[in-house]
Amino acid sequence: VFCYRITLHNQGEDTVKLMGREWKILDGNGQIASTVPKHSPGVIGQHPELRPGECFEYHSGCDVHTREGTMKGSFQMRVVNSASSTEENGIEFDAVVAPFALIPA
C-alpha cells in the first residue's frame, strides 16, 4: 500500500469547487493496478471550495503489488464565483494531475 499527499492550490481569480476526481494507477510494470472513474465524487468525502490563493490538502492511499508505481489523473472543478463574469459561474473544467511516482519511503 502506498500513501500519497495531494495539495490543491487555487492560482486563479475565481472561487472553485472540487466536484470529482479521476485516477489511473499503474504498477511498476506499467500495467493498470486500479482506476477511479472520472466524476467519482469529491475526495475523502469532501467537496472543498477554494477561493483565489487558498489551498486544500488531503492524504490517501492506493494498493499496488509491485515495489513502485505511478499515478495520474484529474480533478473536475466548477467555478462557483467568477471574478470577471457571473456567466462563468457553473462552468466546469478538469485540473490535470501530471503523473507522479509511487516509491517506497
N, C-alpha and C. Protein backbone atom coordinates (compact mmCIF):
# COMPACT_ATOMS: atom_id res chain seq x y z
N VAL A 1 0.85 -1.18 0.00
CA VAL A 1 0.00 0.00 0.00
C VAL A 1 0.89 1.24 0.00
N PHE A 2 0.56 2.18 -0.87
CA PHE A 2 1.28 3.45 -0.94
C PHE A 2 0.40 4.56 -0.39
N CYS A 3 1.00 5.48 0.34
CA CYS A 3 0.31 6.68 0.81
C CYS A 3 0.78 7.85 -0.03
N TYR A 4 -0.13 8.77 -0.28
CA TYR A 4 0.25 9.97 -1.02
C TYR A 4 -0.47 11.17 -0.45
N ARG A 5 0.10 12.35 -0.72
CA ARG A 5 -0.46 13.62 -0.26
C ARG A 5 -0.67 14.49 -1.48
N ILE A 6 -1.85 15.07 -1.58
CA ILE A 6 -2.19 15.96 -2.68
C ILE A 6 -2.49 17.34 -2.11
N THR A 7 -1.92 18.37 -2.70
CA THR A 7 -2.24 19.74 -2.34
C THR A 7 -2.81 20.44 -3.56
N LEU A 8 -4.03 20.93 -3.44
CA LEU A 8 -4.66 21.72 -4.49
C LEU A 8 -4.48 23.18 -4.12
N HIS A 9 -3.99 23.97 -5.05
CA HIS A 9 -3.77 25.40 -4.82
C HIS A 9 -4.49 26.18 -5.91
N ASN A 10 -5.44 27.00 -5.52
CA ASN A 10 -6.18 27.80 -6.49
C ASN A 10 -5.34 29.02 -6.87
N GLN A 11 -4.74 28.97 -8.04
CA GLN A 11 -3.92 30.07 -8.53
C GLN A 11 -4.69 31.00 -9.46
N GLY A 12 -5.99 30.76 -9.62
CA GLY A 12 -6.81 31.58 -10.49
C GLY A 12 -7.47 32.73 -9.75
N GLU A 13 -8.35 33.43 -10.46
CA GLU A 13 -9.06 34.58 -9.89
C GLU A 13 -10.47 34.24 -9.45
N ASP A 14 -10.94 33.01 -9.75
CA ASP A 14 -12.30 32.60 -9.43
C ASP A 14 -12.31 31.65 -8.24
N THR A 15 -13.43 31.65 -7.50
CA THR A 15 -13.63 30.64 -6.47
C THR A 15 -14.13 29.38 -7.16
N VAL A 16 -13.52 28.25 -6.84
CA VAL A 16 -13.85 26.98 -7.50
C VAL A 16 -14.16 25.91 -6.45
N LYS A 17 -14.92 24.91 -6.88
CA LYS A 17 -15.28 23.80 -6.01
C LYS A 17 -14.88 22.49 -6.67
N LEU A 18 -14.25 21.61 -5.89
CA LEU A 18 -13.88 20.29 -6.40
C LEU A 18 -15.14 19.43 -6.42
N MET A 19 -15.49 18.96 -7.60
CA MET A 19 -16.70 18.16 -7.77
C MET A 19 -16.39 16.66 -7.85
N GLY A 20 -15.28 16.32 -8.50
CA GLY A 20 -14.98 14.91 -8.68
C GLY A 20 -13.51 14.70 -8.98
N ARG A 21 -13.18 13.43 -9.20
CA ARG A 21 -11.79 13.08 -9.47
C ARG A 21 -11.74 11.89 -10.42
N GLU A 22 -10.55 11.69 -10.96
CA GLU A 22 -10.28 10.54 -11.82
C GLU A 22 -8.83 10.15 -11.59
N TRP A 23 -8.56 8.86 -11.40
CA TRP A 23 -7.20 8.38 -11.22
C TRP A 23 -6.96 7.15 -12.08
N LYS A 24 -5.76 7.06 -12.60
CA LYS A 24 -5.26 5.83 -13.21
C LYS A 24 -3.98 5.50 -12.46
N ILE A 25 -3.97 4.32 -11.87
CA ILE A 25 -2.84 3.88 -11.04
C ILE A 25 -2.17 2.71 -11.76
N LEU A 26 -0.89 2.88 -12.05
CA LEU A 26 -0.12 1.86 -12.78
C LEU A 26 0.89 1.22 -11.84
N ASP A 27 1.10 -0.07 -12.02
CA ASP A 27 2.13 -0.74 -11.24
C ASP A 27 3.50 -0.49 -11.86
N GLY A 28 4.53 -1.06 -11.26
CA GLY A 28 5.89 -0.86 -11.74
C GLY A 28 6.16 -1.42 -13.12
N ASN A 29 5.26 -2.26 -13.63
CA ASN A 29 5.39 -2.83 -14.97
C ASN A 29 4.57 -2.06 -16.01
N GLY A 30 3.96 -0.96 -15.58
CA GLY A 30 3.15 -0.16 -16.49
C GLY A 30 1.74 -0.70 -16.71
N GLN A 31 1.36 -1.72 -15.93
CA GLN A 31 0.02 -2.30 -16.04
C GLN A 31 -0.94 -1.56 -15.11
N ILE A 32 -2.19 -1.45 -15.52
CA ILE A 32 -3.18 -0.77 -14.69
C ILE A 32 -3.43 -1.60 -13.43
N ALA A 33 -3.15 -0.98 -12.28
CA ALA A 33 -3.38 -1.63 -11.00
C ALA A 33 -4.76 -1.29 -10.46
N SER A 34 -5.23 -0.08 -10.79
CA SER A 34 -6.52 0.38 -10.29
C SER A 34 -6.92 1.64 -11.04
N THR A 35 -8.21 1.90 -11.07
CA THR A 35 -8.71 3.15 -11.65
C THR A 35 -9.81 3.71 -10.75
N VAL A 36 -9.95 5.00 -10.79
CA VAL A 36 -11.09 5.69 -10.18
C VAL A 36 -11.75 6.42 -11.34
N PRO A 37 -12.99 6.08 -11.67
CA PRO A 37 -13.62 6.66 -12.86
C PRO A 37 -13.82 8.16 -12.76
N LYS A 38 -13.76 8.83 -13.90
CA LYS A 38 -13.98 10.27 -13.96
C LYS A 38 -15.33 10.60 -13.34
N HIS A 39 -15.38 11.70 -12.63
CA HIS A 39 -16.56 12.22 -11.94
C HIS A 39 -16.89 11.44 -10.67
N SER A 40 -15.95 10.60 -10.17
CA SER A 40 -16.16 9.99 -8.87
C SER A 40 -16.24 11.14 -7.85
N PRO A 41 -17.23 11.13 -6.98
CA PRO A 41 -17.49 12.32 -6.17
C PRO A 41 -16.40 12.69 -5.17
N GLY A 42 -16.03 13.99 -5.17
CA GLY A 42 -15.15 14.56 -4.17
C GLY A 42 -13.86 13.82 -3.91
N VAL A 43 -13.25 14.17 -2.79
CA VAL A 43 -12.06 13.48 -2.29
C VAL A 43 -12.24 13.29 -0.78
N ILE A 44 -11.92 12.12 -0.30
CA ILE A 44 -12.07 11.74 1.11
C ILE A 44 -13.40 12.26 1.69
N GLY A 45 -14.46 12.13 0.92
CA GLY A 45 -15.79 12.53 1.38
C GLY A 45 -16.04 14.02 1.40
N GLN A 46 -15.18 14.80 0.78
CA GLN A 46 -15.32 16.24 0.79
C GLN A 46 -15.37 16.82 -0.62
N HIS A 47 -15.99 18.00 -0.71
CA HIS A 47 -16.04 18.77 -1.95
C HIS A 47 -15.55 20.19 -1.61
N PRO A 48 -14.24 20.34 -1.41
CA PRO A 48 -13.74 21.64 -0.94
C PRO A 48 -13.97 22.77 -1.94
N GLU A 49 -14.23 23.94 -1.39
CA GLU A 49 -14.37 25.16 -2.17
C GLU A 49 -13.14 26.01 -1.89
N LEU A 50 -12.49 26.48 -2.96
CA LEU A 50 -11.23 27.22 -2.81
C LEU A 50 -11.36 28.62 -3.39
N ARG A 51 -11.16 29.61 -2.56
CA ARG A 51 -11.09 30.99 -3.03
C ARG A 51 -9.72 31.21 -3.66
N PRO A 52 -9.55 32.27 -4.43
CA PRO A 52 -8.23 32.54 -5.01
C PRO A 52 -7.15 32.56 -3.93
N GLY A 53 -6.06 31.84 -4.19
CA GLY A 53 -4.94 31.78 -3.26
C GLY A 53 -5.05 30.72 -2.18
N GLU A 54 -6.22 30.10 -2.02
CA GLU A 54 -6.39 29.10 -0.98
C GLU A 54 -5.89 27.73 -1.42
N CYS A 55 -5.55 26.90 -0.43
CA CYS A 55 -5.09 25.53 -0.68
C CYS A 55 -5.97 24.54 0.08
N PHE A 56 -5.99 23.33 -0.42
CA PHE A 56 -6.63 22.21 0.26
C PHE A 56 -5.69 21.03 0.12
N GLU A 57 -5.43 20.36 1.22
CA GLU A 57 -4.52 19.21 1.20
C GLU A 57 -5.24 18.00 1.78
N TYR A 58 -4.98 16.85 1.17
CA TYR A 58 -5.52 15.62 1.72
C TYR A 58 -4.52 14.48 1.52
N HIS A 59 -4.70 13.45 2.32
CA HIS A 59 -3.86 12.25 2.26
C HIS A 59 -4.75 11.06 1.92
N SER A 60 -4.23 10.15 1.15
CA SER A 60 -4.96 8.93 0.81
C SER A 60 -3.95 7.83 0.51
N GLY A 61 -4.43 6.73 -0.02
CA GLY A 61 -3.55 5.63 -0.32
C GLY A 61 -4.08 4.79 -1.46
N CYS A 62 -3.23 3.93 -1.98
CA CYS A 62 -3.63 3.01 -3.05
C CYS A 62 -2.79 1.75 -2.93
N ASP A 63 -3.33 0.69 -3.47
CA ASP A 63 -2.69 -0.62 -3.39
C ASP A 63 -2.05 -0.95 -4.75
N VAL A 64 -0.75 -1.14 -4.75
CA VAL A 64 -0.01 -1.55 -5.95
C VAL A 64 0.85 -2.74 -5.54
N HIS A 65 0.81 -3.80 -6.31
CA HIS A 65 1.50 -5.04 -5.92
C HIS A 65 2.92 -5.16 -6.46
N THR A 66 3.51 -4.04 -6.85
CA THR A 66 4.92 -4.03 -7.23
C THR A 66 5.63 -3.04 -6.31
N ARG A 67 6.94 -3.02 -6.38
CA ARG A 67 7.72 -2.16 -5.48
C ARG A 67 7.50 -0.68 -5.76
N GLU A 68 7.16 -0.32 -6.99
CA GLU A 68 6.93 1.07 -7.37
C GLU A 68 5.70 1.15 -8.25
N GLY A 69 5.24 2.35 -8.49
CA GLY A 69 4.09 2.57 -9.36
C GLY A 69 4.00 4.02 -9.78
N THR A 70 2.94 4.34 -10.47
CA THR A 70 2.71 5.70 -10.96
C THR A 70 1.22 6.02 -10.86
N MET A 71 0.91 7.27 -10.58
CA MET A 71 -0.48 7.74 -10.60
C MET A 71 -0.57 8.95 -11.50
N LYS A 72 -1.74 9.10 -12.15
CA LYS A 72 -2.04 10.30 -12.90
C LYS A 72 -3.56 10.44 -12.93
N GLY A 73 -4.03 11.63 -13.19
CA GLY A 73 -5.48 11.81 -13.23
C GLY A 73 -5.88 13.26 -13.35
N SER A 74 -7.05 13.56 -12.81
CA SER A 74 -7.55 14.92 -12.87
C SER A 74 -8.61 15.12 -11.79
N PHE A 75 -8.85 16.39 -11.50
CA PHE A 75 -9.93 16.79 -10.62
C PHE A 75 -10.93 17.57 -11.47
N GLN A 76 -12.21 17.27 -11.31
CA GLN A 76 -13.24 18.01 -12.00
C GLN A 76 -13.66 19.15 -11.09
N MET A 77 -13.49 20.37 -11.58
CA MET A 77 -13.73 21.58 -10.81
C MET A 77 -14.89 22.37 -11.41
N ARG A 78 -15.57 23.15 -10.56
CA ARG A 78 -16.66 24.02 -11.02
C ARG A 78 -16.41 25.44 -10.51
N VAL A 79 -16.57 26.41 -11.39
CA VAL A 79 -16.48 27.81 -10.98
C VAL A 79 -17.76 28.14 -10.21
N VAL A 80 -17.61 28.59 -8.97
CA VAL A 80 -18.79 28.93 -8.16
C VAL A 80 -18.93 30.43 -7.94
N ASN A 81 -17.85 31.16 -8.14
CA ASN A 81 -17.91 32.63 -8.01
C ASN A 81 -16.84 33.22 -8.90
N SER A 82 -17.25 33.60 -10.11
CA SER A 82 -16.31 34.15 -11.08
C SER A 82 -15.96 35.60 -10.73
N ALA A 83 -14.68 35.91 -10.85
CA ALA A 83 -14.21 37.27 -10.59
C ALA A 83 -14.55 38.21 -11.75
N SER A 84 -14.78 37.65 -12.95
CA SER A 84 -14.95 38.51 -14.12
C SER A 84 -16.38 38.58 -14.64
N SER A 85 -17.16 37.49 -14.50
CA SER A 85 -18.49 37.48 -15.10
C SER A 85 -19.36 36.41 -14.45
N THR A 86 -20.57 36.76 -14.07
CA THR A 86 -21.47 35.77 -13.49
C THR A 86 -21.84 34.70 -14.50
N GLU A 87 -21.66 34.98 -15.80
CA GLU A 87 -21.93 33.98 -16.83
C GLU A 87 -20.98 32.80 -16.74
N GLU A 88 -19.82 33.00 -16.11
CA GLU A 88 -18.85 31.91 -15.98
C GLU A 88 -19.17 31.00 -14.79
N ASN A 89 -20.04 31.43 -13.88
CA ASN A 89 -20.43 30.58 -12.75
C ASN A 89 -21.06 29.30 -13.28
N GLY A 90 -20.66 28.18 -12.72
CA GLY A 90 -21.18 26.89 -13.14
C GLY A 90 -20.35 26.20 -14.20
N ILE A 91 -19.41 26.91 -14.82
CA ILE A 91 -18.53 26.29 -15.81
C ILE A 91 -17.65 25.24 -15.12
N GLU A 92 -17.53 24.08 -15.74
CA GLU A 92 -16.69 23.02 -15.19
C GLU A 92 -15.45 22.82 -16.05
N PHE A 93 -14.37 22.42 -15.41
CA PHE A 93 -13.11 22.17 -16.12
C PHE A 93 -12.33 21.09 -15.38
N ASP A 94 -11.39 20.48 -16.08
CA ASP A 94 -10.51 19.47 -15.49
C ASP A 94 -9.20 20.12 -15.09
N ALA A 95 -8.80 19.91 -13.86
CA ALA A 95 -7.47 20.28 -13.38
C ALA A 95 -6.63 19.02 -13.47
N VAL A 96 -5.75 18.96 -14.45
CA VAL A 96 -4.98 17.74 -14.74
C VAL A 96 -3.85 17.58 -13.74
N VAL A 97 -3.69 16.35 -13.25
CA VAL A 97 -2.59 16.00 -12.35
C VAL A 97 -1.56 15.23 -13.17
N ALA A 98 -0.38 15.80 -13.30
CA ALA A 98 0.70 15.14 -14.05
C ALA A 98 1.08 13.84 -13.35
N PRO A 99 1.59 12.88 -14.09
CA PRO A 99 1.99 11.61 -13.47
C PRO A 99 3.03 11.84 -12.35
N PHE A 100 2.86 11.09 -11.28
CA PHE A 100 3.85 11.14 -10.20
C PHE A 100 4.15 9.72 -9.73
N ALA A 101 5.35 9.55 -9.21
CA ALA A 101 5.84 8.22 -8.84
C ALA A 101 5.35 7.83 -7.46
N LEU A 102 5.06 6.55 -7.34
CA LEU A 102 4.80 5.92 -6.05
C LEU A 102 6.05 5.10 -5.74
N ILE A 103 6.77 5.53 -4.70
CA ILE A 103 8.03 4.86 -4.37
C ILE A 103 8.06 4.55 -2.87
N PRO A 104 8.76 3.50 -2.49
CA PRO A 104 8.84 3.17 -1.05
C PRO A 104 9.54 4.28 -0.27
N ALA A 105 9.05 4.52 0.91
CA ALA A 105 9.66 5.55 1.76
C ALA A 105 10.88 5.01 2.47
